[in-house]
Amino acid sequence: MLDLIILSLHFFICFLISIAIWYGPKDVDSHSSSTGGTEMQPDGLVFIGKEDDIKKSQRITAKIDGREIVVFYHEGKFHALDSRCYHEGGPLCRGEIEDIDGQACIVCPWHNFKITLETGEGLYEGINPQEPSPTPKWQSKGVKQRIHKVTTDNGNVYVSPPDLSVSFDSDYFAEKYKQGGELAMGKQSHSEAME
C-alpha cells in the first residue's frame, strides 16, 4: 500500500513539474492583446521584442500562430528556431549553447541532442570504422530543427512566420505542444524522473 502511495505522489509531483515547465517563460504571443505591441506587421513579420532586451536576456520565447519558438542572441547574432527539440520535444529554451566543431549549437536539456543555431542541423559524433585508426568526428544528421528568419529594424526584433510547405522533424513536436500543452509533457516528465 505504501508503494502505491509513493508512486501516486511521484506521478503527482511529475505532473506539477511539467505544468511549471510548460507555463515557464512565455514572453510573447503574436496574437495576444495582453502582451501589448506584439502583432503581425504588414510585411508578414512578427514583432518579438526589443533588441536590447533580448541581448540582455540572451534568449526569449514567443508564440507565432500558437507555435512556440525561441530566439537566441549569441556572439553578436540572433537565431530563431522551434522551441521543442526534434528528438522528443525537449524545451530548447532551457538548453545551453556550446561551440561544437566551430558551430554554435543548442544542447537539448532532455537528451543532450546538439542542434546548430545557424542551420538547424542535428550533430552527432561518429567514427568511420573503415579508417585504420578511427577517431570520432562531428557529423550532420541533416536539417532536423526548423529555423526561422530573424530581422532587426530600428531596435526591434522580428521573426518571419514559418513556411510550412517544407517539413522538418521538429514540426511534429511544435504541433504536439501547440495542441497538447502541458498534457503532452506528462509522458516525458515521467520518463525523466525514472532515469
C-alpha atoms as a PDB file:
ATOM      1  CA  MET A   1       0.000   0.000   0.000  1.00  0.00           C
ATOM      2  CA  LEU A   2       2.867   2.346   0.831  1.00  0.00           C
ATOM      3  CA  ASP A   3       4.359   1.686  -2.616  1.00  0.00           C
ATOM      4  CA  LEU A   4       1.105   2.759  -4.252  1.00  0.00           C
ATOM      5  CA  ILE A   5       1.040   5.982  -2.236  1.00  0.00           C
ATOM      6  CA  ILE A   6       4.664   6.769  -3.089  1.00  0.00           C
ATOM      7  CA  LEU A   7       4.060   6.026  -6.772  1.00  0.00           C
ATOM      8  CA  SER A   8       0.942   8.243  -6.805  1.00  0.00           C
ATOM      9  CA  LEU A   9       2.848  11.021  -5.105  1.00  0.00           C
ATOM     10  CA  HIS A  10       5.675  10.626  -7.648  1.00  0.00           C
ATOM     11  CA  PHE A  11       3.256  10.971 -10.575  1.00  0.00           C
ATOM     12  CA  PHE A  12       1.586  13.986  -8.973  1.00  0.00           C
ATOM     13  CA  ILE A  13       4.948  15.731  -8.465  1.00  0.00           C
ATOM     14  CA  CYS A  14       5.954  14.961 -12.062  1.00  0.00           C
ATOM     15  CA  PHE A  15       2.656  16.427 -13.233  1.00  0.00           C
ATOM     16  CA  LEU A  16       3.229  19.620 -11.226  1.00  0.00           C
ATOM     17  CA  ILE A  17       6.775  19.939 -12.574  1.00  0.00           C
ATOM     18  CA  SER A  18       5.546  19.529 -16.140  1.00  0.00           C
ATOM     19  CA  ILE A  19       2.952  22.261 -15.609  1.00  0.00           C
ATOM     20  CA  ALA A  20       5.614  24.563 -14.156  1.00  0.00           C
ATOM     21  CA  ILE A  21       7.892  23.931 -17.129  1.00  0.00           C
ATOM     22  CA  TRP A  22       5.122  24.432 -19.651  1.00  0.00           C
ATOM     23  CA  TYR A  23       3.930  27.668 -18.089  1.00  0.00           C
ATOM     24  CA  GLY A  24       7.524  28.910 -17.723  1.00  0.00           C
ATOM     25  CA  PRO A  25       8.896  31.928 -19.597  1.00  0.00           C
ATOM     26  CA  LYS A  26       6.449  32.722 -22.360  1.00  0.00           C
ATOM     27  CA  ASP A  27       7.356  36.273 -23.141  1.00  0.00           C
ATOM     28  CA  VAL A  28       5.499  36.996 -26.364  1.00  0.00           C
ATOM     29  CA  ASP A  29       2.407  35.739 -28.171  1.00  0.00           C
ATOM     30  CA  SER A  30       1.790  37.244 -31.593  1.00  0.00           C
ATOM     31  CA  HIS A  31      -1.980  37.105 -31.146  1.00  0.00           C
ATOM     32  CA  SER A  32      -2.293  38.126 -27.527  1.00  0.00           C
ATOM     33  CA  SER A  33      -3.533  41.579 -26.700  1.00  0.00           C
ATOM     34  CA  SER A  34      -2.270  41.242 -23.129  1.00  0.00           C
ATOM     35  CA  THR A  35       1.391  41.435 -24.165  1.00  0.00           C
ATOM     36  CA  GLY A  36       0.910  44.805 -25.791  1.00  0.00           C
ATOM     37  CA  GLY A  37       2.592  45.718 -29.044  1.00  0.00           C
ATOM     38  CA  THR A  38       3.021  42.187 -30.356  1.00  0.00           C
ATOM     39  CA  GLU A  39       1.366  41.992 -33.689  1.00  0.00           C
ATOM     40  CA  MET A  40       1.852  40.883 -37.253  1.00  0.00           C
ATOM     41  CA  GLN A  41       3.414  43.626 -39.351  1.00  0.00           C
ATOM     42  CA  PRO A  42       2.110  44.457 -42.851  1.00  0.00           C
ATOM     43  CA  ASP A  43       5.120  42.675 -44.394  1.00  0.00           C
ATOM     44  CA  GLY A  44       4.212  39.464 -42.530  1.00  0.00           C
ATOM     45  CA  LEU A  45       6.942  39.761 -39.898  1.00  0.00           C
ATOM     46  CA  VAL A  46       6.059  39.191 -36.241  1.00  0.00           C
ATOM     47  CA  PHE A  47       7.416  41.573 -33.604  1.00  0.00           C
ATOM     48  CA  ILE A  48       9.274  39.556 -30.943  1.00  0.00           C
ATOM     49  CA  GLY A  49      10.810  42.200 -28.708  1.00  0.00           C
ATOM     50  CA  LYS A  50      13.285  44.993 -28.280  1.00  0.00           C
ATOM     51  CA  GLU A  51      16.807  44.241 -29.478  1.00  0.00           C
ATOM     52  CA  ASP A  52      18.441  45.483 -26.250  1.00  0.00           C
ATOM     53  CA  ASP A  53      16.123  43.397 -24.046  1.00  0.00           C
ATOM     54  CA  ILE A  54      16.873  40.205 -25.964  1.00  0.00           C
ATOM     55  CA  LYS A  55      20.602  40.937 -25.934  1.00  0.00           C
ATOM     56  CA  LYS A  56      20.460  41.263 -22.134  1.00  0.00           C
ATOM     57  CA  SER A  57      18.472  38.072 -21.562  1.00  0.00           C
ATOM     58  CA  GLN A  58      20.299  36.141 -24.332  1.00  0.00           C
ATOM     59  CA  ARG A  59      17.038  34.317 -25.204  1.00  0.00           C
ATOM     60  CA  ILE A  60      13.308  34.806 -25.370  1.00  0.00           C
ATOM     61  CA  THR A  61      10.414  32.502 -26.146  1.00  0.00           C
ATOM     62  CA  ALA A  62       7.477  33.582 -28.251  1.00  0.00           C
ATOM     63  CA  LYS A  63       4.447  32.128 -29.979  1.00  0.00           C
ATOM     64  CA  ILE A  64       3.663  32.682 -33.620  1.00  0.00           C
ATOM     65  CA  ASP A  65       0.198  31.395 -34.531  1.00  0.00           C
ATOM     66  CA  GLY A  66       0.362  29.135 -31.466  1.00  0.00           C
ATOM     67  CA  ARG A  67       3.771  27.711 -32.448  1.00  0.00           C
ATOM     68  CA  GLU A  68       6.382  28.191 -29.745  1.00  0.00           C
ATOM     69  CA  ILE A  69       9.766  29.459 -30.925  1.00  0.00           C
ATOM     70  CA  VAL A  70      12.892  30.542 -29.122  1.00  0.00           C
ATOM     71  CA  VAL A  71      15.129  33.434 -30.176  1.00  0.00           C
ATOM     72  CA  PHE A  72      18.749  33.338 -29.003  1.00  0.00           C
ATOM     73  CA  TYR A  73      21.281  36.142 -29.065  1.00  0.00           C
ATOM     74  CA  HIS A  74      24.724  34.563 -29.286  1.00  0.00           C
ATOM     75  CA  GLU A  75      28.060  36.079 -30.279  1.00  0.00           C
ATOM     76  CA  GLY A  76      26.533  39.116 -31.958  1.00  0.00           C
ATOM     77  CA  LYS A  77      23.788  37.263 -33.894  1.00  0.00           C
ATOM     78  CA  PHE A  78      20.105  36.497 -33.416  1.00  0.00           C
ATOM     79  CA  HIS A  79      18.921  32.944 -34.117  1.00  0.00           C
ATOM     80  CA  ALA A  80      15.334  31.663 -34.013  1.00  0.00           C
ATOM     81  CA  LEU A  81      14.159  28.059 -34.083  1.00  0.00           C
ATOM     82  CA  ASP A  82      11.292  25.878 -32.950  1.00  0.00           C
ATOM     83  CA  SER A  83      11.370  25.764 -29.166  1.00  0.00           C
ATOM     84  CA  ARG A  84      10.804  21.987 -28.977  1.00  0.00           C
ATOM     85  CA  CYS A  85      13.644  19.616 -29.882  1.00  0.00           C
ATOM     86  CA  TYR A  86      13.133  17.431 -32.933  1.00  0.00           C
ATOM     87  CA  HIS A  87      14.101  14.299 -30.977  1.00  0.00           C
ATOM     88  CA  GLU A  88      11.421  14.128 -28.262  1.00  0.00           C
ATOM     89  CA  GLY A  89      10.198  17.673 -27.752  1.00  0.00           C
ATOM     90  CA  GLY A  90      12.666  18.841 -25.110  1.00  0.00           C
ATOM     91  CA  PRO A  91      12.492  22.563 -24.229  1.00  0.00           C
ATOM     92  CA  LEU A  92      15.411  24.097 -26.146  1.00  0.00           C
ATOM     93  CA  CYS A  93      14.801  27.413 -24.393  1.00  0.00           C
ATOM     94  CA  ARG A  94      16.311  25.769 -21.309  1.00  0.00           C
ATOM     95  CA  GLY A  95      19.351  24.349 -23.117  1.00  0.00           C
ATOM     96  CA  GLU A  96      22.933  25.544 -23.039  1.00  0.00           C
ATOM     97  CA  ILE A  97      24.758  26.871 -26.101  1.00  0.00           C
ATOM     98  CA  GLU A  98      28.060  25.152 -26.896  1.00  0.00           C
ATOM     99  CA  ASP A  99      30.623  25.568 -29.627  1.00  0.00           C
ATOM    100  CA  ILE A 100      30.882  22.241 -31.449  1.00  0.00           C
ATOM    101  CA  ASP A 101      33.404  21.932 -34.224  1.00  0.00           C
ATOM    102  CA  GLY A 102      33.268  25.691 -34.836  1.00  0.00           C
ATOM    103  CA  GLN A 103      29.460  25.888 -34.837  1.00  0.00           C
ATOM    104  CA  ALA A 104      27.219  27.406 -32.165  1.00  0.00           C
ATOM    105  CA  CYS A 105      24.799  24.670 -31.045  1.00  0.00           C
ATOM    106  CA  ILE A 106      21.948  24.485 -28.585  1.00  0.00           C
ATOM    107  CA  VAL A 107      22.107  21.334 -26.469  1.00  0.00           C
ATOM    108  CA  CYS A 108      18.713  19.889 -25.593  1.00  0.00           C
ATOM    109  CA  PRO A 109      18.395  19.611 -21.796  1.00  0.00           C
ATOM    110  CA  TRP A 110      16.470  16.321 -22.002  1.00  0.00           C
ATOM    111  CA  HIS A 111      18.773  14.064 -24.045  1.00  0.00           C
ATOM    112  CA  ASN A 112      21.782  16.249 -24.992  1.00  0.00           C
ATOM    113  CA  PHE A 113      20.960  16.363 -28.695  1.00  0.00           C
ATOM    114  CA  LYS A 114      23.036  19.040 -30.390  1.00  0.00           C
ATOM    115  CA  ILE A 115      21.454  21.383 -32.938  1.00  0.00           C
ATOM    116  CA  THR A 116      23.231  24.138 -34.859  1.00  0.00           C
ATOM    117  CA  LEU A 117      21.729  27.566 -34.327  1.00  0.00           C
ATOM    118  CA  GLU A 118      22.586  28.672 -37.856  1.00  0.00           C
ATOM    119  CA  THR A 119      21.090  25.813 -39.897  1.00  0.00           C
ATOM    120  CA  GLY A 120      19.040  23.565 -37.588  1.00  0.00           C
ATOM    121  CA  GLU A 121      21.229  20.553 -38.329  1.00  0.00           C
ATOM    122  CA  GLY A 122      21.405  17.758 -35.787  1.00  0.00           C
ATOM    123  CA  LEU A 123      25.015  16.856 -34.989  1.00  0.00           C
ATOM    124  CA  TYR A 124      26.440  13.624 -33.669  1.00  0.00           C
ATOM    125  CA  GLU A 125      29.917  12.343 -33.000  1.00  0.00           C
ATOM    126  CA  GLY A 126      30.695   9.243 -35.005  1.00  0.00           C
ATOM    127  CA  ILE A 127      33.550   7.220 -36.377  1.00  0.00           C
ATOM    128  CA  ASN A 128      34.316   5.657 -39.729  1.00  0.00           C
ATOM    129  CA  PRO A 129      35.147   2.025 -38.913  1.00  0.00           C
ATOM    130  CA  GLN A 130      36.963   1.692 -42.237  1.00  0.00           C
ATOM    131  CA  GLU A 131      39.674   4.124 -41.120  1.00  0.00           C
ATOM    132  CA  PRO A 132      42.833   2.412 -39.807  1.00  0.00           C
ATOM    133  CA  SER A 133      42.618   4.359 -36.521  1.00  0.00           C
ATOM    134  CA  PRO A 134      39.041   5.583 -36.320  1.00  0.00           C
ATOM    135  CA  THR A 135      38.683   8.818 -34.398  1.00  0.00           C
ATOM    136  CA  PRO A 136      35.340  10.396 -33.523  1.00  0.00           C
ATOM    137  CA  LYS A 137      34.338  13.329 -35.720  1.00  0.00           C
ATOM    138  CA  TRP A 138      31.288  15.577 -35.642  1.00  0.00           C
ATOM    139  CA  GLN A 139      28.867  14.775 -38.431  1.00  0.00           C
ATOM    140  CA  SER A 140      25.495  16.078 -39.551  1.00  0.00           C
ATOM    141  CA  LYS A 141      22.229  14.175 -39.430  1.00  0.00           C
ATOM    142  CA  GLY A 142      20.812  16.793 -41.796  1.00  0.00           C
ATOM    143  CA  VAL A 143      18.465  19.661 -41.006  1.00  0.00           C
ATOM    144  CA  LYS A 144      16.149  18.433 -38.269  1.00  0.00           C
ATOM    145  CA  GLN A 145      15.071  21.614 -36.483  1.00  0.00           C
ATOM    146  CA  ARG A 146      13.032  24.354 -38.160  1.00  0.00           C
ATOM    147  CA  ILE A 147      14.825  27.679 -38.055  1.00  0.00           C
ATOM    148  CA  HIS A 148      13.073  31.000 -38.523  1.00  0.00           C
ATOM    149  CA  LYS A 149      14.402  34.104 -40.246  1.00  0.00           C
ATOM    150  CA  VAL A 150      15.184  36.953 -37.841  1.00  0.00           C
ATOM    151  CA  THR A 151      15.101  40.599 -38.908  1.00  0.00           C
ATOM    152  CA  THR A 152      16.131  43.625 -36.860  1.00  0.00           C
ATOM    153  CA  ASP A 153      14.874  47.133 -37.617  1.00  0.00           C
ATOM    154  CA  ASN A 154      15.108  50.308 -35.516  1.00  0.00           C
ATOM    155  CA  GLY A 155      15.974  48.356 -32.349  1.00  0.00           C
ATOM    156  CA  ASN A 156      13.142  45.852 -32.799  1.00  0.00           C
ATOM    157  CA  VAL A 157      13.456  42.123 -33.478  1.00  0.00           C
ATOM    158  CA  TYR A 158      11.052  40.410 -35.880  1.00  0.00           C
ATOM    159  CA  VAL A 159      10.647  36.787 -36.954  1.00  0.00           C
ATOM    160  CA  SER A 160       9.167  35.537 -40.215  1.00  0.00           C
ATOM    161  CA  PRO A 161       6.291  33.074 -39.842  1.00  0.00           C
ATOM    162  CA  PRO A 162       7.271  29.512 -40.806  1.00  0.00           C
ATOM    163  CA  ASP A 163       6.985  28.308 -44.389  1.00  0.00           C
ATOM    164  CA  LEU A 164       5.052  25.107 -43.757  1.00  0.00           C
ATOM    165  CA  SER A 165       5.346  23.946 -47.388  1.00  0.00           C
ATOM    166  CA  VAL A 166       8.643  22.323 -46.320  1.00  0.00           C
ATOM    167  CA  SER A 167       8.586  19.993 -43.328  1.00  0.00           C
ATOM    168  CA  PHE A 168      11.188  19.323 -40.648  1.00  0.00           C
ATOM    169  CA  ASP A 169      11.365  16.754 -37.854  1.00  0.00           C
ATOM    170  CA  SER A 170      10.714  19.452 -35.235  1.00  0.00           C
ATOM    171  CA  ASP A 171       7.313  20.201 -36.808  1.00  0.00           C
ATOM    172  CA  TYR A 172       5.822  17.141 -35.106  1.00  0.00           C
ATOM    173  CA  PHE A 173       6.641  18.425 -31.617  1.00  0.00           C
ATOM    174  CA  ALA A 174       5.843  22.041 -32.473  1.00  0.00           C
ATOM    175  CA  GLU A 175       2.339  20.888 -33.388  1.00  0.00           C
ATOM    176  CA  LYS A 176       2.053  18.434 -30.478  1.00  0.00           C
ATOM    177  CA  TYR A 177       2.859  21.084 -27.878  1.00  0.00           C
ATOM    178  CA  LYS A 178       0.705  23.626 -29.676  1.00  0.00           C
ATOM    179  CA  GLN A 179      -2.275  21.279 -29.330  1.00  0.00           C
ATOM    180  CA  GLY A 180      -1.424  19.201 -26.266  1.00  0.00           C
ATOM    181  CA  GLY A 181       0.061  21.796 -23.946  1.00  0.00           C
ATOM    182  CA  GLU A 182       1.069  20.564 -20.525  1.00  0.00           C
ATOM    183  CA  LEU A 183      -0.697  17.234 -21.012  1.00  0.00           C
ATOM    184  CA  ALA A 184       1.730  16.375 -23.798  1.00  0.00           C
ATOM    185  CA  MET A 185       4.623  16.922 -21.383  1.00  0.00           C
ATOM    186  CA  GLY A 186       3.405  14.316 -18.894  1.00  0.00           C
ATOM    187  CA  LYS A 187       4.973  11.363 -20.717  1.00  0.00           C
ATOM    188  CA  GLN A 188       8.429  12.931 -20.904  1.00  0.00           C
ATOM    189  CA  SER A 189       8.387  14.306 -17.379  1.00  0.00           C
ATOM    190  CA  HIS A 190       7.630  10.840 -16.052  1.00  0.00           C
ATOM    191  CA  SER A 191      10.420   9.206 -18.044  1.00  0.00           C
ATOM    192  CA  GLU A 192      12.868  11.896 -16.905  1.00  0.00           C
ATOM    193  CA  ALA A 193      12.002  11.201 -13.314  1.00  0.00           C
ATOM    194  CA  MET A 194      12.501   7.463 -13.819  1.00  0.00           C
ATOM    195  CA  GLU A 195      16.093   7.901 -15.102  1.00  0.00           C
END
